[in-house]
Amino acid sequence: MSELEMIPLTRVPRELSKLVRDKASVPTYRRIYNAVIDGAIPAVQLHNGRYQVRDLQPILRHFGLKKV
C-alpha cells in the first residue's frame, strides 16, 4: 500500500491486524468510526458520506497499539 493511498474506514481493522502482534487488541470498526466522529482520528469524508484515512499511525497511537 502506498503512502498516499486512501484506506476506507471499513478496511482499517483488517489493515491494523496486519501491523500488530496482538490481533485481539485491534479495535472494531465501530470504535474506530466513533473516534473519527469525535475528531480523535483524522479522516476524509467523501461525497457519499463514507470516511477514509490516509495514515494508520494516528489510529495506532489513539488506541495504544504497537507495531510488530
PDB file of N, CA and C in Angstrom:
ATOM      1  N   MET A   1       0.846  -1.180   0.000  1.00  0.00           N
ATOM      2  CA  MET A   1       0.000   0.000   0.000  1.00  0.00           C
ATOM      3  C   MET A   1       0.886   1.236   0.000  1.00  0.00           C
ATOM      4  N   SER A   2       0.619   2.177  -0.864  1.00  0.00           N
ATOM      5  CA  SER A   2       1.429   3.389  -0.943  1.00  0.00           C
ATOM      6  C   SER A   2       1.025   4.364   0.148  1.00  0.00           C
ATOM      7  N   GLU A   3       1.931   5.282   0.453  1.00  0.00           N
ATOM      8  CA  GLU A   3       1.685   6.288   1.489  1.00  0.00           C
ATOM      9  C   GLU A   3       0.468   7.145   1.183  1.00  0.00           C
ATOM     10  N   LEU A   4       0.221   7.382  -0.114  1.00  0.00           N
ATOM     11  CA  LEU A   4      -0.853   8.299  -0.493  1.00  0.00           C
ATOM     12  C   LEU A   4      -2.191   7.596  -0.703  1.00  0.00           C
ATOM     13  N   GLU A   5      -2.203   6.280  -0.644  1.00  0.00           N
ATOM     14  CA  GLU A   5      -3.438   5.541  -0.842  1.00  0.00           C
ATOM     15  C   GLU A   5      -4.401   5.794   0.306  1.00  0.00           C
ATOM     16  N   MET A   6      -5.634   6.051  -0.039  1.00  0.00           N
ATOM     17  CA  MET A   6      -6.672   6.240   0.974  1.00  0.00           C
ATOM     18  C   MET A   6      -7.222   4.875   1.366  1.00  0.00           C
ATOM     19  N   ILE A   7      -7.455   4.697   2.649  1.00  0.00           N
ATOM     20  CA  ILE A   7      -7.954   3.423   3.161  1.00  0.00           C
ATOM     21  C   ILE A   7      -9.389   3.620   3.632  1.00  0.00           C
ATOM     22  N   PRO A   8     -10.333   2.900   3.037  1.00  0.00           N
ATOM     23  CA  PRO A   8     -11.717   3.012   3.513  1.00  0.00           C
ATOM     24  C   PRO A   8     -11.797   2.606   4.983  1.00  0.00           C
ATOM     25  N   LEU A   9     -12.583   3.314   5.744  1.00  0.00           N
ATOM     26  CA  LEU A   9     -12.690   3.052   7.170  1.00  0.00           C
ATOM     27  C   LEU A   9     -13.102   1.607   7.454  1.00  0.00           C
ATOM     28  N   THR A  10     -13.908   1.036   6.583  1.00  0.00           N
ATOM     29  CA  THR A  10     -14.350  -0.345   6.782  1.00  0.00           C
ATOM     30  C   THR A  10     -13.191  -1.340   6.673  1.00  0.00           C
ATOM     31  N   ARG A  11     -12.108  -0.945   6.022  1.00  0.00           N
ATOM     32  CA  ARG A  11     -10.952  -1.829   5.844  1.00  0.00           C
ATOM     33  C   ARG A  11      -9.878  -1.630   6.916  1.00  0.00           C
ATOM     34  N   VAL A  12     -10.007  -0.602   7.706  1.00  0.00           N
ATOM     35  CA  VAL A  12      -8.980  -0.258   8.696  1.00  0.00           C
ATOM     36  C   VAL A  12      -8.712  -1.379   9.701  1.00  0.00           C
ATOM     37  N   PRO A  13      -9.721  -2.028  10.283  1.00  0.00           N
ATOM     38  CA  PRO A  13      -9.406  -3.106  11.230  1.00  0.00           C
ATOM     39  C   PRO A  13      -8.549  -4.214  10.611  1.00  0.00           C
ATOM     40  N   ARG A  14      -8.834  -4.578   9.370  1.00  0.00           N
ATOM     41  CA  ARG A  14      -8.029  -5.611   8.699  1.00  0.00           C
ATOM     42  C   ARG A  14      -6.600  -5.149   8.472  1.00  0.00           C
ATOM     43  N   GLU A  15      -6.439  -3.898   8.092  1.00  0.00           N
ATOM     44  CA  GLU A  15      -5.093  -3.358   7.867  1.00  0.00           C
ATOM     45  C   GLU A  15      -4.316  -3.281   9.177  1.00  0.00           C
ATOM     46  N   LEU A  16      -4.987  -2.896  10.252  1.00  0.00           N
ATOM     47  CA  LEU A  16      -4.330  -2.836  11.556  1.00  0.00           C
ATOM     48  C   LEU A  16      -3.884  -4.221  12.016  1.00  0.00           C
ATOM     49  N   SER A  17      -4.717  -5.223  11.763  1.00  0.00           N
ATOM     50  CA  SER A  17      -4.370  -6.571  12.213  1.00  0.00           C
ATOM     51  C   SER A  17      -3.122  -7.099  11.524  1.00  0.00           C
ATOM     52  N   LYS A  18      -2.776  -6.548  10.362  1.00  0.00           N
ATOM     53  CA  LYS A  18      -1.544  -6.923   9.671  1.00  0.00           C
ATOM     54  C   LYS A  18      -0.318  -6.302  10.325  1.00  0.00           C
ATOM     55  N   LEU A  19      -0.541  -5.256  11.107  1.00  0.00           N
ATOM     56  CA  LEU A  19       0.570  -4.488  11.673  1.00  0.00           C
ATOM     57  C   LEU A  19       0.875  -4.792  13.130  1.00  0.00           C
ATOM     58  N   VAL A  20      -0.086  -5.342  13.858  1.00  0.00           N
ATOM     59  CA  VAL A  20       0.106  -5.531  15.301  1.00  0.00           C
ATOM     60  C   VAL A  20       0.252  -7.008  15.654  1.00  0.00           C
ATOM     61  N   ARG A  21       0.956  -7.260  16.732  1.00  0.00           N
ATOM     62  CA  ARG A  21       1.172  -8.642  17.178  1.00  0.00           C
ATOM     63  C   ARG A  21      -0.088  -9.204  17.831  1.00  0.00           C
ATOM     64  N   ASP A  22      -0.704  -8.425  18.718  1.00  0.00           N
ATOM     65  CA  ASP A  22      -1.884  -8.885  19.453  1.00  0.00           C
ATOM     66  C   ASP A  22      -3.141  -8.564  18.653  1.00  0.00           C
ATOM     67  N   LYS A  23      -3.587  -9.521  17.871  1.00  0.00           N
ATOM     68  CA  LYS A  23      -4.752  -9.307  16.996  1.00  0.00           C
ATOM     69  C   LYS A  23      -6.027  -9.000  17.793  1.00  0.00           C
ATOM     70  N   ALA A  24      -6.112  -9.503  19.020  1.00  0.00           N
ATOM     71  CA  ALA A  24      -7.298  -9.267  19.850  1.00  0.00           C
ATOM     72  C   ALA A  24      -7.402  -7.808  20.286  1.00  0.00           C
ATOM     73  N   SER A  25      -6.294  -7.065  20.208  1.00  0.00           N
ATOM     74  CA  SER A  25      -6.305  -5.665  20.627  1.00  0.00           C
ATOM     75  C   SER A  25      -6.780  -4.711  19.531  1.00  0.00           C
ATOM     76  N   VAL A  26      -6.961  -5.224  18.325  1.00  0.00           N
ATOM     77  CA  VAL A  26      -7.390  -4.370  17.211  1.00  0.00           C
ATOM     78  C   VAL A  26      -8.822  -3.907  17.469  1.00  0.00           C
ATOM     79  N   PRO A  27      -9.045  -2.589  17.437  1.00  0.00           N
ATOM     80  CA  PRO A  27     -10.395  -2.086  17.696  1.00  0.00           C
ATOM     81  C   PRO A  27     -11.361  -2.451  16.568  1.00  0.00           C
ATOM     82  N   THR A  28     -12.616  -2.530  16.918  1.00  0.00           N
ATOM     83  CA  THR A  28     -13.653  -2.818  15.928  1.00  0.00           C
ATOM     84  C   THR A  28     -13.862  -1.598  15.027  1.00  0.00           C
ATOM     85  N   TYR A  29     -14.517  -1.851  13.914  1.00  0.00           N
ATOM     86  CA  TYR A  29     -14.871  -0.756  13.009  1.00  0.00           C
ATOM     87  C   TYR A  29     -15.644   0.314  13.771  1.00  0.00           C
ATOM     88  N   ARG A  30     -16.582  -0.096  14.613  1.00  0.00           N
ATOM     89  CA  ARG A  30     -17.438   0.857  15.334  1.00  0.00           C
ATOM     90  C   ARG A  30     -16.624   1.773  16.248  1.00  0.00           C
ATOM     91  N   ARG A  31     -15.642   1.198  16.949  1.00  0.00           N
ATOM     92  CA  ARG A  31     -14.798   2.018  17.828  1.00  0.00           C
ATOM     93  C   ARG A  31     -13.980   3.014  17.008  1.00  0.00           C
ATOM     94  N   ILE A  32     -13.481   2.574  15.866  1.00  0.00           N
ATOM     95  CA  ILE A  32     -12.700   3.462  15.000  1.00  0.00           C
ATOM     96  C   ILE A  32     -13.607   4.562  14.443  1.00  0.00           C
ATOM     97  N   TYR A  33     -14.788   4.183  13.989  1.00  0.00           N
ATOM     98  CA  TYR A  33     -15.746   5.153  13.460  1.00  0.00           C
ATOM     99  C   TYR A  33     -16.089   6.201  14.511  1.00  0.00           C
ATOM    100  N   ASN A  34     -16.371   5.765  15.736  1.00  0.00           N
ATOM    101  CA  ASN A  34     -16.697   6.707  16.806  1.00  0.00           C
ATOM    102  C   ASN A  34     -15.539   7.667  17.078  1.00  0.00           C
ATOM    103  N   ALA A  35     -14.309   7.172  17.013  1.00  0.00           N
ATOM    104  CA  ALA A  35     -13.147   8.037  17.209  1.00  0.00           C
ATOM    105  C   ALA A  35     -13.028   9.067  16.079  1.00  0.00           C
ATOM    106  N   VAL A  36     -13.374   8.673  14.869  1.00  0.00           N
ATOM    107  CA  VAL A  36     -13.378   9.615  13.733  1.00  0.00           C
ATOM    108  C   VAL A  36     -14.436  10.688  13.963  1.00  0.00           C
ATOM    109  N   ILE A  37     -15.639  10.276  14.314  1.00  0.00           N
ATOM    110  CA  ILE A  37     -16.743  11.215  14.540  1.00  0.00           C
ATOM    111  C   ILE A  37     -16.407  12.179  15.678  1.00  0.00           C
ATOM    112  N   ASP A  38     -15.719  11.681  16.713  1.00  0.00           N
ATOM    113  CA  ASP A  38     -15.327  12.520  17.848  1.00  0.00           C
ATOM    114  C   ASP A  38     -14.141  13.432  17.527  1.00  0.00           C
ATOM    115  N   GLY A  39     -13.525  13.241  16.348  1.00  0.00           N
ATOM    116  CA  GLY A  39     -12.401  14.080  15.949  1.00  0.00           C
ATOM    117  C   GLY A  39     -11.057  13.626  16.497  1.00  0.00           C
ATOM    118  N   ALA A  40     -11.007  12.433  17.081  1.00  0.00           N
ATOM    119  CA  ALA A  40      -9.758  11.927  17.652  1.00  0.00           C
ATOM    120  C   ALA A  40      -8.822  11.348  16.595  1.00  0.00           C
ATOM    121  N   ILE A  41      -9.384  10.964  15.462  1.00  0.00           N
ATOM    122  CA  ILE A  41      -8.609  10.381  14.366  1.00  0.00           C
ATOM    123  C   ILE A  41      -8.918  11.177  13.099  1.00  0.00           C
ATOM    124  N   PRO A  42      -7.882  11.633  12.382  1.00  0.00           N
ATOM    125  CA  PRO A  42      -8.132  12.374  11.140  1.00  0.00           C
ATOM    126  C   PRO A  42      -8.651  11.450  10.038  1.00  0.00           C
ATOM    127  N   ALA A  43      -9.678  11.902   9.350  1.00  0.00           N
ATOM    128  CA  ALA A  43     -10.257  11.150   8.241  1.00  0.00           C
ATOM    129  C   ALA A  43     -10.883  12.134   7.261  1.00  0.00           C
ATOM    130  N   VAL A  44     -11.087  11.654   6.049  1.00  0.00           N
ATOM    131  CA  VAL A  44     -11.712  12.453   4.999  1.00  0.00           C
ATOM    132  C   VAL A  44     -13.083  11.846   4.711  1.00  0.00           C
ATOM    133  N   GLN A  45     -14.102  12.704   4.706  1.00  0.00           N
ATOM    134  CA  GLN A  45     -15.433  12.221   4.371  1.00  0.00           C
ATOM    135  C   GLN A  45     -15.674  12.480   2.888  1.00  0.00           C
ATOM    136  N   LEU A  46     -15.981  11.429   2.160  1.00  0.00           N
ATOM    137  CA  LEU A  46     -16.227  11.541   0.726  1.00  0.00           C
ATOM    138  C   LEU A  46     -17.642  12.042   0.454  1.00  0.00           C
ATOM    139  N   HIS A  47     -17.912  12.353  -0.797  1.00  0.00           N
ATOM    140  CA  HIS A  47     -19.230  12.876  -1.176  1.00  0.00           C
ATOM    141  C   HIS A  47     -20.363  11.898  -0.861  1.00  0.00           C
ATOM    142  N   ASN A  48     -20.049  10.604  -0.789  1.00  0.00           N
ATOM    143  CA  ASN A  48     -21.077   9.604  -0.496  1.00  0.00           C
ATOM    144  C   ASN A  48     -21.276   9.404   1.009  1.00  0.00           C
ATOM    145  N   GLY A  49     -20.546  10.176   1.823  1.00  0.00           N
ATOM    146  CA  GLY A  49     -20.698  10.116   3.264  1.00  0.00           C
ATOM    147  C   GLY A  49     -19.770   9.141   3.962  1.00  0.00           C
ATOM    148  N   ARG A  50     -19.055   8.345   3.189  1.00  0.00           N
ATOM    149  CA  ARG A  50     -18.139   7.365   3.788  1.00  0.00           C
ATOM    150  C   ARG A  50     -16.803   8.021   4.114  1.00  0.00           C
ATOM    151  N   TYR A  51     -16.136   7.464   5.108  1.00  0.00           N
ATOM    152  CA  TYR A  51     -14.861   8.007   5.558  1.00  0.00           C
ATOM    153  C   TYR A  51     -13.696   7.151   5.068  1.00  0.00           C
ATOM    154  N   GLN A  52     -12.574   7.833   4.845  1.00  0.00           N
ATOM    155  CA  GLN A  52     -11.328   7.163   4.503  1.00  0.00           C
ATOM    156  C   GLN A  52     -10.206   7.829   5.285  1.00  0.00           C
ATOM    157  N   VAL A  53      -9.137   7.049   5.535  1.00  0.00           N
ATOM    158  CA  VAL A  53      -7.973   7.589   6.227  1.00  0.00           C
ATOM    159  C   VAL A  53      -6.752   7.463   5.318  1.00  0.00           C
ATOM    160  N   ARG A  54      -5.790   8.341   5.538  1.00  0.00           N
ATOM    161  CA  ARG A  54      -4.549   8.309   4.758  1.00  0.00           C
ATOM    162  C   ARG A  54      -3.450   7.551   5.481  1.00  0.00           C
ATOM    163  N   ASP A  55      -3.525   7.542   6.801  1.00  0.00           N
ATOM    164  CA  ASP A  55      -2.412   7.044   7.597  1.00  0.00           C
ATOM    165  C   ASP A  55      -2.948   6.263   8.796  1.00  0.00           C
ATOM    166  N   LEU A  56      -2.359   5.117   9.044  1.00  0.00           N
ATOM    167  CA  LEU A  56      -2.789   4.302  10.178  1.00  0.00           C
ATOM    168  C   LEU A  56      -2.095   4.703  11.476  1.00  0.00           C
ATOM    169  N   GLN A  57      -1.028   5.476  11.405  1.00  0.00           N
ATOM    170  CA  GLN A  57      -0.282   5.860  12.605  1.00  0.00           C
ATOM    171  C   GLN A  57      -1.138   6.564  13.658  1.00  0.00           C
ATOM    172  N   PRO A  58      -1.971   7.545  13.279  1.00  0.00           N
ATOM    173  CA  PRO A  58      -2.816   8.183  14.303  1.00  0.00           C
ATOM    174  C   PRO A  58      -3.769   7.196  14.984  1.00  0.00           C
ATOM    175  N   ILE A  59      -4.211   6.195  14.252  1.00  0.00           N
ATOM    176  CA  ILE A  59      -5.114   5.199  14.822  1.00  0.00           C
ATOM    177  C   ILE A  59      -4.341   4.310  15.797  1.00  0.00           C
ATOM    178  N   LEU A  60      -3.141   3.898  15.387  1.00  0.00           N
ATOM    179  CA  LEU A  60      -2.294   3.099  16.276  1.00  0.00           C
ATOM    180  C   LEU A  60      -2.029   3.852  17.580  1.00  0.00           C
ATOM    181  N   ARG A  61      -1.698   5.135  17.469  1.00  0.00           N
ATOM    182  CA  ARG A  61      -1.421   5.949  18.659  1.00  0.00           C
ATOM    183  C   ARG A  61      -2.663   6.109  19.534  1.00  0.00           C
ATOM    184  N   HIS A  62      -3.787   6.429  18.898  1.00  0.00           N
ATOM    185  CA  HIS A  62      -5.020   6.676  19.645  1.00  0.00           C
ATOM    186  C   HIS A  62      -5.425   5.468  20.497  1.00  0.00           C
ATOM    187  N   PHE A  63      -5.274   4.287  19.935  1.00  0.00           N
ATOM    188  CA  PHE A  63      -5.691   3.075  20.637  1.00  0.00           C
ATOM    189  C   PHE A  63      -4.544   2.395  21.386  1.00  0.00           C
ATOM    190  N   GLY A  64      -3.364   3.024  21.365  1.00  0.00           N
ATOM    191  CA  GLY A  64      -2.227   2.494  22.108  1.00  0.00           C
ATOM    192  C   GLY A  64      -1.697   1.178  21.569  1.00  0.00           C
ATOM    193  N   LEU A  65      -1.793   0.999  20.256  1.00  0.00           N
ATOM    194  CA  LEU A  65      -1.338  -0.238  19.612  1.00  0.00           C
ATOM    195  C   LEU A  65       0.129  -0.116  19.221  1.00  0.00           C
ATOM    196  N   LYS A  66       0.840  -1.207  19.313  1.00  0.00           N
ATOM    197  CA  LYS A  66       2.262  -1.244  18.945  1.00  0.00           C
ATOM    198  C   LYS A  66       2.424  -2.091  17.687  1.00  0.00           C
ATOM    199  N   LYS A  67       3.218  -1.579  16.750  1.00  0.00           N
ATOM    200  CA  LYS A  67       3.514  -2.347  15.534  1.00  0.00           C
ATOM    201  C   LYS A  67       4.426  -3.517  15.855  1.00  0.00           C
ATOM    202  N   VAL A  68       4.321  -4.542  15.022  1.00  0.00           N
ATOM    203  CA  VAL A  68       5.171  -5.742  15.176  1.00  0.00           C
ATOM    204  C   VAL A  68       6.617  -5.361  14.942  1.00  0.00           C
TER     205      VAL A  68
END
